[in-house]
Every structure is written in structure tokens, then in C-alpha cells.
Amino acid sequence: MKRIFLLSACLMQGALLCGTAQGIFEEALESNDTVAAHNGIFTLGGYSRASAWFGGDTYDYASLFGEFAMQGRISGNRVFLSSDIRFAEGLYFNHRETRVQVREAYAGIRWDRADIFLGNQIVTWGRTDGFNPVDNISPRNYFLLSTDPDDQLEGNFMLRARLRPATHTELEVVAIPFYKPSVYRYDLFEMDESVSFTGALLPGRTFRNGSVALRMTTELPSVGFSFSYFSGYDPFYGFDIDSYAFLPEPEIVYRPDFFRKHTPGFDMSLLAGPMILRLEAAYNITSGYSENIYIPNPELYLVAAAERSIGGVNAVFQYIGKHISDYTPIDPPAPPDMQDPADLLRWASQSVIYESELYNRRIFLQQEEFNHAVFLALSRSFLYEEVRAEVSAYYNITSEEYLVRPELKWSARDGMLISAGAQIMKGPDGSIYDMAGKVMGGFFAGIRMSF
């Protein structure tokens, strides 16, 4: 039973641990949008690639696939259309599949001071690398293991408007009519035979269950900052106990369950001499957490970062911290009287609840009142920018778990990128990273040709 929440706990942290810079994806997307819209042109591009993730303890081949992507944009007379469609075939955790993914498909209108887009889109907010407290909009497929962490981002249907009331200020509004959760694959892990999972009951597709996000951004020459607010269902989620029984055989059935939250947030970046300082903070407000084990407590989530180039090496250091509001420790149930069947039943029932609540807390990094972690990313280019070496490392001071990810990228020729690396996850015996490393750890390699 100690492994039942491994994947979700690992990946809610793990997607943020691979050195993913969410802002880079957003900037690239919006930069291409701007060029296409103002030139009034049709652009068609894409890529073909092979990706391999192998050498883990549990799976020799976590993923081996070939993929072809078509990415097109049409603009003219202020009308804008964009699409990203991907076709892949290969082996995913020992299961062979063919996948067709409409990652993005949306249309919109641009004016001088406003843009409106409607359709399947990917929206990422935040200024810090990987860890983004204010990023609550787009879900992720945490089990799509590839050489590019941005592949895990999933599109969702939404209405997105951007207003520019002043030269340096933009107001963004996002409305999501129905909920789309992130993808966990807890079925990939070894579990006790008595544990099983039932399907999730998604929130009804009503106006009441929609989500809304607002962000006001100001960009000045040496400083940029944003105020944001999110209200809706969190793409991340916990697990509830659907049912359990002890006779004739022990049986515990879990189900994914979802929760709403309200999140005011703030982020900023400041140019301070040779350094770039970044700050991102959000307060997640939840209710019903005292009665439901799958709902996290309210929390303050903070990331502070400094970026600087030293001797040709670009270095990013981050502190990641959480303070859990209304925190109450949980204790294991009192030992039973082995001669009293009723007391044995009491102990067994309380143990199920205790273990389930404990792992939900680990999923959300709420096992202690304070959670402290640090992150370091180093990168440098060689051979006239053709080769780039990167390494990122995460260490959770509270749980003593860590992740290290080295990677080498080679721009062999125009449009061709070859990359290889490894991911190592470790922790104390029985910890989440100790178990997760057996599935998520390993080596990866890929080759991609863009056109």
C-alpha cells in the first residue's frame, strides 16, 4: 500500500524537477504568434523525431517511439489560426500504441490593443524555471517520457483574451468551461494485491464547474512583474478511499478525486547588475480539507531564484518553500489488542485511513508544516554554440530526497538536434523518490529534425 500514490506524488514534484523552463515555451509560442499575425502569412512547420527512455529498474524500455508533428499558422486581416498535431507510434511502458494528439487547435482575432483566442490551447504562467506556483491552468501527462519535458504539457479548450490598456501593461483573462485533469499512471507500479483503483468521476460539465484565471503583467526595461488569480479545479489531484473490506480477503479500492481552489499569486523578475533575480509566490486556498483526505490544506508556496553567468557557465539557483496552514500532525493508530476481534478491526480500519492520508500529504508536499528544497541548474555551450551541456539537481531538505538530470545536446546541422542524458532519483529507503526512481529513472536519447 506504500506505493499506491507513488506516481502522482513523484510527478507533481517530478515535472518541476527536470529543469523545465515553462516561460520559454510560452515566450516561443507568443513570439511565433506575433510574427505570423503581423506579416499576414501562412506558415507550416514541424518535425520528425525518435525518442528513447530506457535502463530503469522496473522497465528496460519506459518509452521508445517515433513521432511526426505538423504545426501550422494562418494569419491575415487580423484573423489568426494555429494548430499542432502529432502522430506517434512505439512502445510505452511495455505496451505498443499508436497515438494521434491534437495538442493545440485554436483561432482568434487580433487588434492593436486586444487579442481573443478560442479553442484547444496551452497556457503556462510564471517566471521561474520548472517550479511555478502561479501556473495552474494547463494539465500535464506526467507519463509521457521523452527528451523534451515540454511534451508533457496538454492543451485544453478555453477562451483566452489579452488586453493592452497601456504601453507596458497587459491584462490576460482565461476561461475554461470544463475540467481536464493531469495524467497519472499509478497502475505502472508494483502494489499489494489487495489494492485496486476505480475510475474517476469528473466534475460535471456545467458553468459552475468551470475555471477562471486573471493576470495583469507590467514589463519595464529592468523589471517585470505580474499579479494573478486562479479559481477552479486544480489539474493536480489526490485520492480518496472508495471502499475497503477485510473479509473474506482484504480489499482496498481507491479513486481519484478532485478539488477546487482559489489562488492569488505574484511573480517578478529584476535585472540587478550581472544577475537576474526572480520571485514567484502563491497562496492556495482550499476548503473541506479537514473532512476529505484528497484535499490539501491551504498553503503558501514560494520560489526565489537567482540567475547569473559565471565564466561562460549559466547558473540558476532556486529555493522552493512551502508553509502549510492549519497544519495538524497525524499519528498512526494505537496498537490493537490481539485477543479482541473488534479492536483488531478498529486498528485495521484506522490504518487504512492513516496510510491513505499520509500519502496524499506526500503527494502535495504537506507531510510537515514547512517544506524546504533547493534547485540548481548549470549549462554551457561549446564548439561555437553547437554543443550544449546541462545539468540540473533538486534536493528536498525536508524529506532528504534528490534528483539529478545531466544532458548533452548537439546541433549537428541546421534543424537537427541530437540529445542524450540520464535521470537519477533517490531517497531514504521507502521514500517516494526511492520507489519512483525505479520507474522514472534511467537514460534517454533522441534525434529530432525540424522543418
Protein backbone atom coordinates (compact mmCIF):
# COMPACT_ATOMS: atom_id res chain seq x y z
CA MET A 1 0.00 0.00 0.00
CA LYS A 2 3.00 2.26 0.42
CA ARG A 3 3.30 2.57 -3.35
CA ILE A 4 -0.26 3.42 -4.28
CA PHE A 5 0.36 7.15 -4.63
CA LEU A 6 3.94 6.94 -5.84
CA LEU A 7 3.39 8.15 -9.33
CA SER A 8 1.20 11.10 -8.58
CA ALA A 9 3.44 12.25 -5.73
CA CYS A 10 6.57 11.82 -7.81
CA LEU A 11 5.25 13.58 -10.86
CA MET A 12 3.60 16.50 -9.18
CA GLN A 13 7.10 17.24 -7.98
CA GLY A 14 8.96 15.50 -10.78
CA ALA A 15 7.72 17.58 -13.71
CA LEU A 16 9.21 20.52 -11.93
CA LEU A 17 12.47 18.78 -11.22
CA CYS A 18 13.68 18.18 -14.75
CA GLY A 19 14.83 21.74 -15.30
CA THR A 20 11.79 22.65 -17.38
CA ALA A 21 11.58 26.38 -18.08
CA GLN A 22 7.86 26.92 -18.59
CA GLY A 23 8.34 30.57 -19.56
CA ILE A 24 10.49 29.55 -22.52
CA PHE A 25 7.65 27.57 -24.07
CA GLU A 26 5.20 30.42 -23.63
CA GLU A 27 7.61 33.03 -24.99
CA ALA A 28 8.40 30.94 -28.07
CA LEU A 29 4.72 30.35 -28.78
CA GLU A 30 3.74 34.00 -28.43
CA SER A 31 6.76 35.15 -30.44
CA ASN A 32 5.73 32.96 -33.37
CA ASP A 33 2.12 34.14 -33.00
CA THR A 34 3.20 37.77 -33.22
CA VAL A 35 5.34 37.28 -36.34
CA ALA A 36 2.62 35.36 -38.16
CA ALA A 37 -0.12 37.80 -37.23
CA HIS A 38 1.69 40.94 -38.30
CA ASN A 39 3.11 39.57 -41.53
CA GLY A 40 -0.22 38.21 -42.71
CA ILE A 41 1.24 34.91 -43.87
CA PHE A 42 0.76 31.16 -43.79
CA THR A 43 3.49 29.21 -42.04
CA LEU A 44 3.84 25.45 -41.96
CA GLY A 45 6.48 23.60 -39.99
CA GLY A 46 7.03 20.62 -37.82
CA TYR A 47 9.48 17.88 -37.12
CA SER A 48 10.19 14.18 -37.20
CA ARG A 49 11.99 12.56 -34.29
CA ALA A 50 12.87 9.38 -32.43
CA SER A 51 12.93 9.31 -28.63
CA ALA A 52 14.08 6.59 -26.24
CA TRP A 53 13.87 6.31 -22.43
CA PHE A 54 15.49 3.14 -21.15
CA GLY A 55 17.56 1.41 -18.47
CA GLY A 56 15.24 1.83 -15.48
CA ASP A 57 14.94 -0.77 -12.73
CA THR A 58 11.30 -1.64 -13.47
CA TYR A 59 11.15 -1.13 -17.25
CA ASP A 60 14.01 -1.78 -19.64
CA TYR A 61 12.17 0.47 -22.09
CA ALA A 62 9.94 3.09 -20.48
CA SER A 63 9.34 4.63 -23.92
CA LEU A 64 10.58 4.05 -27.46
CA PHE A 65 8.69 5.95 -30.12
CA GLY A 66 8.88 7.74 -33.43
CA GLU A 67 6.84 10.89 -33.92
CA PHE A 68 5.85 13.24 -36.73
CA ALA A 69 4.38 16.67 -35.99
CA MET A 70 2.69 19.25 -38.19
CA GLN A 71 2.47 22.80 -36.86
CA GLY A 72 0.66 25.37 -38.94
CA ARG A 73 -0.39 29.01 -38.57
CA ILE A 74 -2.51 31.21 -40.79
CA SER A 75 -2.99 34.92 -40.30
CA GLY A 76 -4.29 37.85 -42.28
CA ASN A 77 -6.68 40.72 -41.81
CA ARG A 78 -6.21 40.30 -38.05
CA VAL A 79 -7.57 36.72 -38.11
CA PHE A 80 -5.31 34.06 -36.62
CA LEU A 81 -5.39 30.23 -36.64
CA SER A 82 -2.89 27.84 -35.08
CA SER A 83 -2.57 24.07 -34.81
CA ASP A 84 -0.12 21.46 -33.51
CA ILE A 85 -0.97 17.87 -34.47
CA ARG A 86 1.28 14.92 -33.59
CA PHE A 87 1.38 11.32 -34.74
CA ALA A 88 3.44 8.79 -32.78
CA GLU A 89 3.91 5.03 -32.69
CA GLY A 90 6.03 3.00 -30.35
CA LEU A 91 6.43 1.27 -27.02
CA TYR A 92 5.15 2.92 -23.84
CA PHE A 93 5.84 1.00 -20.62
CA ASN A 94 5.86 -2.33 -22.47
CA HIS A 95 2.63 -1.51 -24.29
CA ARG A 96 2.73 -0.80 -28.01
CA GLU A 97 0.45 2.01 -29.18
CA THR A 98 -0.27 4.44 -31.97
CA ARG A 99 -1.11 7.93 -30.75
CA VAL A 100 -2.76 10.85 -32.52
CA GLN A 101 -2.73 14.05 -30.47
CA VAL A 102 -4.35 17.36 -31.36
CA ARG A 103 -2.14 19.25 -28.96
CA GLU A 104 -3.37 22.69 -29.94
CA ALA A 105 -6.05 23.90 -32.35
CA TYR A 106 -7.45 27.38 -31.91
CA ALA A 107 -8.48 30.51 -33.77
CA GLY A 108 -8.63 34.16 -32.83
CA ILE A 109 -8.73 37.81 -33.74
CA ARG A 110 -6.00 40.39 -33.08
CA TRP A 111 -6.41 44.11 -32.70
CA ASP A 112 -3.91 46.77 -31.72
CA ARG A 113 -4.89 46.62 -28.04
CA ALA A 114 -6.62 43.26 -27.70
CA ASP A 115 -6.43 39.61 -28.77
CA ILE A 116 -9.08 36.90 -28.39
CA PHE A 117 -8.40 33.18 -28.93
CA LEU A 118 -10.80 30.24 -28.67
CA GLY A 119 -10.01 26.51 -28.87
CA ASN A 120 -7.53 23.97 -27.54
CA GLN A 121 -4.58 25.89 -26.12
CA ILE A 122 -1.61 25.50 -23.78
CA VAL A 123 -1.14 28.34 -21.30
CA THR A 124 1.77 28.45 -18.85
CA TRP A 125 2.34 31.23 -16.35
CA GLY A 126 5.35 32.03 -14.20
CA ARG A 127 8.92 33.31 -14.44
CA THR A 128 10.96 30.73 -12.54
CA ASP A 129 12.36 27.57 -14.11
CA GLY A 130 10.37 24.41 -13.53
CA PHE A 131 8.74 25.37 -10.23
CA ASN A 132 5.84 27.76 -10.85
CA PRO A 133 3.36 28.40 -8.01
CA VAL A 134 1.16 30.59 -10.25
CA ASP A 135 0.94 28.03 -13.08
CA ASN A 136 -2.44 26.34 -12.55
CA ILE A 137 -4.07 26.24 -15.98
CA SER A 138 -2.73 23.55 -18.31
CA PRO A 139 -2.67 19.89 -17.22
CA ARG A 140 0.25 17.56 -17.89
CA ASN A 141 0.73 13.97 -18.99
CA TYR A 142 3.42 13.06 -16.48
CA PHE A 143 3.95 9.64 -18.06
CA LEU A 144 4.95 10.88 -21.48
CA LEU A 145 8.68 10.37 -21.01
CA SER A 146 10.77 11.98 -23.74
CA THR A 147 13.88 14.10 -24.23
CA ASP A 148 11.76 17.28 -24.09
CA PRO A 149 9.90 17.91 -20.78
CA ASP A 150 7.55 20.37 -22.54
CA ASP A 151 5.99 17.36 -24.31
CA GLN A 152 4.09 16.68 -21.09
CA LEU A 153 2.02 19.84 -21.43
CA GLU A 154 -1.56 19.16 -22.55
CA GLY A 155 -3.92 21.50 -24.34
CA ASN A 156 -7.39 22.27 -23.04
CA PHE A 157 -10.38 24.03 -24.54
CA MET A 158 -10.51 27.63 -23.33
CA LEU A 159 -11.31 31.23 -24.16
CA ARG A 160 -8.29 33.49 -23.79
CA ALA A 161 -8.27 37.26 -24.08
CA ARG A 162 -5.34 39.67 -23.81
CA LEU A 163 -5.92 43.38 -23.37
CA ARG A 164 -3.22 46.07 -23.58
CA PRO A 165 -4.59 49.18 -21.85
CA ALA A 166 -1.15 50.84 -21.64
CA THR A 167 2.22 50.55 -23.35
CA HIS A 168 3.88 48.33 -20.73
CA THR A 169 0.82 46.62 -19.28
CA GLU A 170 -1.22 43.61 -20.38
CA LEU A 171 -4.32 42.07 -18.83
CA GLU A 172 -4.95 38.38 -19.60
CA VAL A 173 -8.20 36.54 -18.94
CA VAL A 174 -8.62 32.77 -19.33
CA ALA A 175 -11.97 30.97 -19.07
CA ILE A 176 -12.03 27.14 -19.05
CA PRO A 177 -15.56 25.69 -19.44
CA PHE A 178 -14.80 22.11 -18.38
CA TYR A 179 -12.17 20.37 -16.29
CA LYS A 180 -9.32 18.32 -17.72
CA PRO A 181 -7.07 16.63 -15.11
CA SER A 182 -3.42 15.78 -15.42
CA VAL A 183 -2.50 12.19 -16.29
CA TYR A 184 -1.17 9.83 -13.60
CA ARG A 185 -0.34 6.17 -14.21
CA TYR A 186 -0.38 4.59 -10.77
CA ASP A 187 -1.15 1.26 -12.44
CA LEU A 188 2.50 1.04 -13.56
CA PHE A 189 3.80 0.35 -10.06
CA GLU A 190 4.01 -2.77 -8.01
CA MET A 191 1.21 -2.74 -5.46
CA ASP A 192 -0.23 -5.09 -2.92
CA GLU A 193 -2.76 -7.47 -4.46
CA SER A 194 -5.41 -6.13 -2.10
CA VAL A 195 -5.17 -2.61 -3.58
CA SER A 196 -7.03 -1.57 -6.72
CA PHE A 197 -8.32 1.62 -8.34
CA THR A 198 -11.65 2.59 -9.81
CA GLY A 199 -12.31 5.19 -12.46
CA ALA A 200 -12.56 8.87 -11.65
CA LEU A 201 -15.83 10.77 -11.58
CA LEU A 202 -15.01 14.07 -13.27
CA PRO A 203 -16.82 17.24 -12.23
CA GLY A 204 -19.98 17.85 -14.26
CA ARG A 205 -19.61 19.99 -17.36
CA THR A 206 -21.53 22.96 -16.07
CA PHE A 207 -20.85 26.70 -15.79
CA ARG A 208 -20.44 26.25 -12.06
CA ASN A 209 -17.57 23.78 -12.51
CA GLY A 210 -15.61 25.96 -14.91
CA SER A 211 -12.36 27.74 -14.08
CA VAL A 212 -11.29 31.36 -14.47
CA ALA A 213 -7.80 32.88 -14.36
CA LEU A 214 -6.70 36.51 -14.48
CA ARG A 215 -3.25 38.04 -14.80
CA MET A 216 -2.04 41.64 -15.05
CA THR A 217 1.54 41.98 -16.27
CA THR A 218 3.80 45.02 -16.39
CA GLU A 219 7.12 44.85 -18.28
CA LEU A 220 9.71 47.62 -17.84
CA PRO A 221 13.34 47.70 -19.05
CA SER A 222 14.84 46.33 -15.82
CA VAL A 223 11.88 44.81 -14.00
CA GLY A 224 8.76 42.87 -14.86
CA PHE A 225 6.00 41.71 -12.55
CA SER A 226 2.55 40.13 -12.58
CA PHE A 227 -0.43 39.77 -10.29
CA SER A 228 -2.60 36.74 -10.95
CA TYR A 229 -5.65 34.91 -9.66
CA PHE A 230 -6.98 31.42 -10.37
CA SER A 231 -10.35 30.00 -9.32
CA GLY A 232 -11.31 26.48 -10.29
CA TYR A 233 -10.35 22.82 -10.13
CA ASP A 234 -6.64 22.13 -9.72
CA PRO A 235 -5.21 19.97 -12.57
CA PHE A 236 -3.37 18.04 -9.82
CA TYR A 237 -5.43 15.85 -7.54
CA GLY A 238 -5.38 13.34 -4.73
CA PHE A 239 -7.04 10.01 -3.99
CA ASP A 240 -9.98 9.05 -1.84
CA ILE A 241 -10.98 5.70 -0.38
CA ASP A 242 -13.83 4.32 -2.47
CA SER A 243 -14.33 1.22 -0.32
CA TYR A 244 -12.47 -1.32 1.77
CA ALA A 245 -13.18 -4.68 3.36
CA PHE A 246 -11.21 -7.27 5.32
CA LEU A 247 -13.34 -10.38 4.83
CA PRO A 248 -13.22 -12.82 3.17
CA GLU A 249 -9.99 -11.21 1.80
CA PRO A 250 -8.52 -7.77 2.42
CA GLU A 251 -9.55 -5.33 -0.32
CA ILE A 252 -8.99 -1.59 -0.65
CA VAL A 253 -10.37 0.38 -3.61
CA TYR A 254 -9.18 3.93 -4.32
CA ARG A 255 -10.47 6.53 -6.74
CA PRO A 256 -9.02 9.83 -8.00
CA ASP A 257 -10.86 12.82 -6.60
CA PHE A 258 -10.67 16.50 -7.41
CA PHE A 259 -10.83 19.76 -5.53
CA ARG A 260 -11.39 23.43 -6.18
CA LYS A 261 -9.08 26.16 -5.03
CA HIS A 262 -8.59 29.90 -5.16
CA THR A 263 -5.04 31.09 -5.80
CA PRO A 264 -3.87 34.70 -5.69
CA GLY A 265 -0.30 34.93 -6.96
CA PHE A 266 2.60 37.25 -7.71
CA ASP A 267 5.73 36.88 -9.80
CA MET A 268 8.54 39.21 -10.79
CA SER A 269 11.96 39.34 -12.42
CA LEU A 270 14.55 42.01 -11.73
CA LEU A 271 17.79 42.79 -13.54
CA ALA A 272 20.36 43.51 -10.80
CA GLY A 273 23.73 44.13 -12.39
CA PRO A 274 25.10 40.83 -13.74
CA MET A 275 22.28 38.84 -12.08
CA ILE A 276 18.63 38.23 -12.79
CA LEU A 277 16.53 37.81 -9.66
CA ARG A 278 13.16 36.10 -9.84
CA LEU A 279 10.40 35.65 -7.30
CA GLU A 280 7.17 33.73 -7.55
CA ALA A 281 4.62 33.17 -4.78
CA ALA A 282 1.04 31.96 -4.48
CA TYR A 283 -1.39 31.16 -1.71
CA ASN A 284 -3.59 28.14 -2.42
CA ILE A 285 -6.92 28.45 -0.61
CA THR A 286 -8.92 25.23 -0.19
CA SER A 287 -11.88 24.12 1.92
CA GLY A 288 -13.12 20.77 3.16
CA TYR A 289 -9.60 19.51 3.86
CA SER A 290 -10.42 18.51 7.43
CA GLU A 291 -13.09 16.05 6.25
CA ASN A 292 -11.54 14.84 2.97
CA ILE A 293 -8.10 13.24 2.72
CA TYR A 294 -7.73 14.09 -1.00
CA ILE A 295 -7.94 17.86 -0.44
CA PRO A 296 -4.69 19.58 0.62
CA ASN A 297 -4.55 22.21 3.33
CA PRO A 298 -4.22 25.87 2.35
CA GLU A 299 -0.57 26.69 1.75
CA LEU A 300 1.88 29.45 0.90
CA TYR A 301 4.08 28.30 -1.98
CA LEU A 302 7.21 30.37 -2.69
CA VAL A 303 10.10 30.17 -5.17
CA ALA A 304 13.06 32.59 -5.08
CA ALA A 305 15.73 32.34 -7.80
CA ALA A 306 18.98 33.97 -8.92
CA GLU A 307 20.49 33.55 -12.39
CA ARG A 308 23.98 34.57 -13.43
CA SER A 309 26.64 33.71 -15.99
CA ILE A 310 29.98 32.81 -14.41
CA GLY A 311 32.95 32.03 -16.65
CA GLY A 312 30.71 31.10 -19.55
CA VAL A 313 28.51 28.88 -17.36
CA ASN A 314 24.91 29.97 -16.91
CA ALA A 315 23.84 29.14 -13.35
CA VAL A 316 20.35 29.17 -11.86
CA PHE A 317 19.81 28.65 -8.14
CA GLN A 318 16.37 28.35 -6.56
CA TYR A 319 14.90 28.00 -3.13
CA ILE A 320 11.49 26.29 -3.04
CA GLY A 321 9.48 26.56 0.15
CA LYS A 322 6.02 25.79 1.47
CA HIS A 323 4.21 26.69 4.66
CA ILE A 324 1.11 24.63 5.39
CA SER A 325 -1.72 26.50 7.09
CA ASP A 326 -3.82 24.86 9.80
CA TYR A 327 -1.32 22.00 9.92
CA THR A 328 -2.07 19.11 12.25
CA PRO A 329 0.27 16.10 12.54
CA ILE A 330 -1.25 12.67 12.09
CA ASP A 331 -0.23 9.71 14.21
CA PRO A 332 -0.54 6.01 13.44
CA PRO A 333 -3.39 4.23 15.22
CA ALA A 334 -2.78 2.73 18.63
CA PRO A 335 -1.70 -0.95 18.57
CA PRO A 336 -4.61 -3.38 18.84
CA ASP A 337 -5.46 -5.95 21.45
CA MET A 338 -4.62 -9.11 19.51
CA GLN A 339 -7.18 -11.07 21.53
CA ASP A 340 -10.06 -8.70 20.76
CA PRO A 341 -11.53 -9.10 17.22
CA ALA A 342 -13.38 -5.78 17.49
CA ASP A 343 -10.19 -3.94 18.41
CA LEU A 344 -8.32 -5.62 15.56
CA LEU A 345 -11.00 -4.40 13.16
CA ARG A 346 -10.72 -0.89 14.62
CA TRP A 347 -6.95 -0.90 14.15
CA ALA A 348 -7.18 -2.19 10.55
CA SER A 349 -9.75 0.45 9.57
CA GLN A 350 -7.79 3.28 11.13
CA SER A 351 -4.59 2.03 9.49
CA VAL A 352 -6.17 2.24 6.03
CA ILE A 353 -7.25 5.81 6.66
CA TYR A 354 -3.88 6.76 8.18
CA GLU A 355 -1.79 5.37 5.31
CA SER A 356 -4.10 6.94 2.73
CA GLU A 357 -3.99 10.39 4.32
CA LEU A 358 -0.22 10.17 4.77
CA TYR A 359 0.38 9.52 1.06
CA ASN A 360 -1.99 12.25 0.00
CA ARG A 361 0.09 14.60 2.13
CA ARG A 362 3.24 13.39 0.42
CA ILE A 363 1.67 13.99 -2.97
CA PHE A 364 1.16 17.64 -2.07
CA LEU A 365 4.39 18.01 -0.03
CA GLN A 366 2.38 18.60 3.13
CA GLN A 367 3.76 15.87 5.36
CA GLU A 368 5.36 18.60 7.53
CA GLU A 369 4.29 22.13 8.39
CA PHE A 370 7.28 23.51 6.45
CA ASN A 371 8.83 22.03 3.34
CA HIS A 372 12.21 23.29 2.10
CA ALA A 373 14.02 22.37 -1.11
CA VAL A 374 16.78 23.76 -3.35
CA PHE A 375 17.36 23.52 -7.09
CA LEU A 376 20.49 24.20 -9.17
CA ALA A 377 20.82 24.23 -12.95
CA LEU A 378 24.12 24.71 -14.83
CA SER A 379 24.59 24.98 -18.58
CA ARG A 380 27.33 25.89 -21.00
CA SER A 381 27.79 25.93 -24.78
CA PHE A 382 30.85 24.66 -26.62
CA LEU A 383 32.20 24.46 -30.17
CA TYR A 384 30.68 27.71 -31.39
CA GLU A 385 27.30 27.02 -29.78
CA GLU A 386 26.92 23.64 -31.50
CA VAL A 387 27.17 21.59 -28.28
CA ARG A 388 25.42 22.42 -25.04
CA ALA A 389 25.95 20.64 -21.72
CA GLU A 390 23.31 20.93 -18.99
CA VAL A 391 22.86 19.51 -15.53
CA SER A 392 20.05 20.16 -13.05
CA ALA A 393 19.74 18.92 -9.49
CA TYR A 394 16.99 19.07 -6.88
CA TYR A 395 17.30 18.29 -3.17
CA ASN A 396 14.41 18.27 -0.74
CA ILE A 397 15.84 19.21 2.63
CA THR A 398 12.71 18.12 4.48
CA SER A 399 12.42 14.61 3.03
CA GLU A 400 16.12 14.08 2.08
CA GLU A 401 15.22 13.08 -1.47
CA TYR A 402 17.06 14.22 -4.59
CA LEU A 403 17.01 14.18 -8.37
CA VAL A 404 19.90 14.75 -10.80
CA ARG A 405 19.50 15.15 -14.56
CA PRO A 406 22.57 15.65 -16.81
CA GLU A 407 22.04 16.19 -20.55
CA LEU A 408 24.13 16.84 -23.66
CA LYS A 409 22.67 18.48 -26.79
CA TRP A 410 24.34 18.67 -30.19
CA SER A 411 23.05 20.83 -33.05
CA ALA A 412 24.54 18.58 -35.70
CA ARG A 413 23.28 20.70 -38.61
CA ASP A 414 20.52 23.16 -39.40
CA GLY A 415 17.29 21.80 -37.99
CA MET A 416 18.83 18.68 -36.47
CA LEU A 417 19.21 18.21 -32.72
CA ILE A 418 20.72 15.13 -31.06
CA SER A 419 20.41 14.80 -27.29
CA ALA A 420 21.24 12.27 -24.59
CA GLY A 421 21.21 12.20 -20.82
CA ALA A 422 20.06 10.48 -17.66
CA GLN A 423 17.68 10.97 -14.77
CA ILE A 424 18.55 9.75 -11.27
CA MET A 425 16.03 9.81 -8.41
CA LYS A 426 16.96 8.66 -4.92
CA GLY A 427 15.85 8.98 -1.33
CA PRO A 428 15.78 7.17 2.02
CA ASP A 429 14.54 3.58 1.99
CA GLY A 430 10.80 3.51 1.39
CA SER A 431 10.60 7.19 0.40
CA ILE A 432 8.78 8.39 -2.68
CA TYR A 433 11.93 9.07 -4.68
CA ASP A 434 13.44 5.76 -3.64
CA MET A 435 10.45 3.99 -5.21
CA ALA A 436 9.86 6.43 -8.06
CA GLY A 437 13.45 6.18 -9.26
CA LYS A 438 12.85 2.55 -10.16
CA VAL A 439 10.26 3.63 -12.75
CA MET A 440 11.16 7.20 -13.67
CA GLY A 441 14.94 6.87 -13.54
CA GLY A 442 17.11 5.76 -16.43
CA PHE A 443 18.78 7.05 -19.59
CA PHE A 444 17.28 8.93 -22.52
CA ALA A 445 18.35 9.79 -26.06
CA GLY A 446 16.74 11.34 -29.07
CA ILE A 447 17.22 12.80 -32.53
CA ARG A 448 14.96 15.46 -33.98
CA MET A 449 14.84 17.02 -37.44
CA SER A 450 12.77 20.17 -37.77
CA PHE A 451 11.48 21.77 -40.96
